[in-house]
Amino acid sequence: MTNNSQVVSDTLASITAKASPPVGVSLATVAGVHIHDLVLWATLVYTVLMIGHKIWRIYKDVTKKERPYGYED
């Protein structure tokens, strides 16, 4: 048997996540920001985040203390 409060919170989170992009675009349009500007800035932020994440992963791999499998001196 599932916990009803867990199901309700999952459903609410799902509905909120699905409604956020259209609501955000609508509010920005009402505020005077054009959709093409939103897409441009969202793409820029996403690209910067992905580059930062990749640099972080490379840094963690380089500074790892243990040797990878198959590594020989």
C-alpha atoms as a PDB file:
ATOM      1  CA  MET A   1       0.000   0.000   0.000  1.00  0.00           C
ATOM      2  CA  THR A   2       1.398   3.414  -0.943  1.00  0.00           C
ATOM      3  CA  ASN A   3       1.536   6.425   1.290  1.00  0.00           C
ATOM      4  CA  ASN A   4      -1.129   8.913   0.142  1.00  0.00           C
ATOM      5  CA  SER A   5       0.848  12.006   1.141  1.00  0.00           C
ATOM      6  CA  GLN A   6       3.796  10.771  -0.942  1.00  0.00           C
ATOM      7  CA  VAL A   7       1.550  10.229  -3.958  1.00  0.00           C
ATOM      8  CA  VAL A   8      -0.014  13.681  -3.553  1.00  0.00           C
ATOM      9  CA  SER A   9       3.385  15.387  -3.241  1.00  0.00           C
ATOM     10  CA  ASP A  10       4.710  13.506  -6.292  1.00  0.00           C
ATOM     11  CA  THR A  11       1.633  14.509  -8.265  1.00  0.00           C
ATOM     12  CA  LEU A  12       1.890  18.139  -7.164  1.00  0.00           C
ATOM     13  CA  ALA A  13       5.587  18.241  -8.072  1.00  0.00           C
ATOM     14  CA  SER A  14       4.840  16.717 -11.465  1.00  0.00           C
ATOM     15  CA  ILE A  15       2.072  19.209 -12.199  1.00  0.00           C
ATOM     16  CA  THR A  16       4.265  22.121 -11.088  1.00  0.00           C
ATOM     17  CA  ALA A  17       7.168  20.972 -13.255  1.00  0.00           C
ATOM     18  CA  LYS A  18       4.915  20.607 -16.281  1.00  0.00           C
ATOM     19  CA  ALA A  19       3.281  24.013 -15.787  1.00  0.00           C
ATOM     20  CA  SER A  20       6.429  26.031 -15.045  1.00  0.00           C
ATOM     21  CA  PRO A  21       7.740  26.630 -18.597  1.00  0.00           C
ATOM     22  CA  PRO A  22       4.464  27.918 -20.082  1.00  0.00           C
ATOM     23  CA  VAL A  23       3.761  30.066 -17.039  1.00  0.00           C
ATOM     24  CA  GLY A  24       7.287  31.498 -17.117  1.00  0.00           C
ATOM     25  CA  VAL A  25       7.052  32.317 -20.826  1.00  0.00           C
ATOM     26  CA  SER A  26       3.633  33.904 -20.377  1.00  0.00           C
ATOM     27  CA  LEU A  27       4.770  36.068 -17.482  1.00  0.00           C
ATOM     28  CA  ALA A  28       7.915  37.144 -19.321  1.00  0.00           C
ATOM     29  CA  THR A  29       5.902  38.031 -22.424  1.00  0.00           C
ATOM     30  CA  VAL A  30       3.528  40.117 -20.332  1.00  0.00           C
ATOM     31  CA  ALA A  31       6.575  41.803 -18.763  1.00  0.00           C
ATOM     32  CA  GLY A  32       7.823  42.734 -22.253  1.00  0.00           C
ATOM     33  CA  VAL A  33      10.537  40.154 -22.835  1.00  0.00           C
ATOM     34  CA  HIS A  34      10.372  38.470 -26.232  1.00  0.00           C
ATOM     35  CA  ILE A  35      10.425  34.698 -26.520  1.00  0.00           C
ATOM     36  CA  HIS A  36      13.507  34.695 -28.750  1.00  0.00           C
ATOM     37  CA  ASP A  37      15.394  36.544 -26.000  1.00  0.00           C
ATOM     38  CA  LEU A  38      14.283  33.942 -23.478  1.00  0.00           C
ATOM     39  CA  VAL A  39      15.464  31.110 -25.699  1.00  0.00           C
ATOM     40  CA  LEU A  40      18.776  32.861 -26.289  1.00  0.00           C
ATOM     41  CA  TRP A  41      19.431  33.406 -22.578  1.00  0.00           C
ATOM     42  CA  ALA A  42      18.216  29.932 -21.591  1.00  0.00           C
ATOM     43  CA  THR A  43      20.548  28.384 -24.164  1.00  0.00           C
ATOM     44  CA  LEU A  44      23.448  30.500 -22.927  1.00  0.00           C
ATOM     45  CA  VAL A  45      22.848  29.554 -19.288  1.00  0.00           C
ATOM     46  CA  TYR A  46      22.438  25.873 -20.191  1.00  0.00           C
ATOM     47  CA  THR A  47      25.653  25.880 -22.237  1.00  0.00           C
ATOM     48  CA  VAL A  48      27.638  27.553 -19.454  1.00  0.00           C
ATOM     49  CA  LEU A  49      26.280  25.061 -16.911  1.00  0.00           C
ATOM     50  CA  MET A  50      27.175  22.098 -19.116  1.00  0.00           C
ATOM     51  CA  ILE A  51      30.706  23.439 -19.690  1.00  0.00           C
ATOM     52  CA  GLY A  52      31.132  23.992 -15.946  1.00  0.00           C
ATOM     53  CA  HIS A  53      29.886  20.491 -15.197  1.00  0.00           C
ATOM     54  CA  LYS A  54      32.266  18.952 -17.729  1.00  0.00           C
ATOM     55  CA  ILE A  55      35.228  20.915 -16.325  1.00  0.00           C
ATOM     56  CA  TRP A  56      34.290  19.786 -12.811  1.00  0.00           C
ATOM     57  CA  ARG A  57      34.120  16.132 -13.904  1.00  0.00           C
ATOM     58  CA  ILE A  58      37.507  16.374 -15.638  1.00  0.00           C
ATOM     59  CA  TYR A  59      39.011  18.020 -12.550  1.00  0.00           C
ATOM     60  CA  LYS A  60      37.613  15.282 -10.293  1.00  0.00           C
ATOM     61  CA  ASP A  61      39.007  12.581 -12.594  1.00  0.00           C
ATOM     62  CA  VAL A  62      42.449  14.191 -12.734  1.00  0.00           C
ATOM     63  CA  THR A  63      42.727  14.721  -8.978  1.00  0.00           C
ATOM     64  CA  LYS A  64      41.387  11.269  -8.045  1.00  0.00           C
ATOM     65  CA  LYS A  65      43.634   9.573  -5.458  1.00  0.00           C
ATOM     66  CA  GLU A  66      43.122   5.954  -6.493  1.00  0.00           C
ATOM     67  CA  ARG A  67      44.494   4.578  -9.749  1.00  0.00           C
ATOM     68  CA  PRO A  68      42.049   3.548 -12.462  1.00  0.00           C
ATOM     69  CA  TYR A  69      41.786  -0.146 -13.342  1.00  0.00           C
ATOM     70  CA  GLY A  70      44.619  -1.281 -15.551  1.00  0.00           C
ATOM     71  CA  TYR A  71      46.918   1.644 -14.721  1.00  0.00           C
ATOM     72  CA  GLU A  72      50.577   0.663 -14.423  1.00  0.00           C
ATOM     73  CA  ASP A  73      53.574   2.808 -13.425  1.00  0.00           C
END
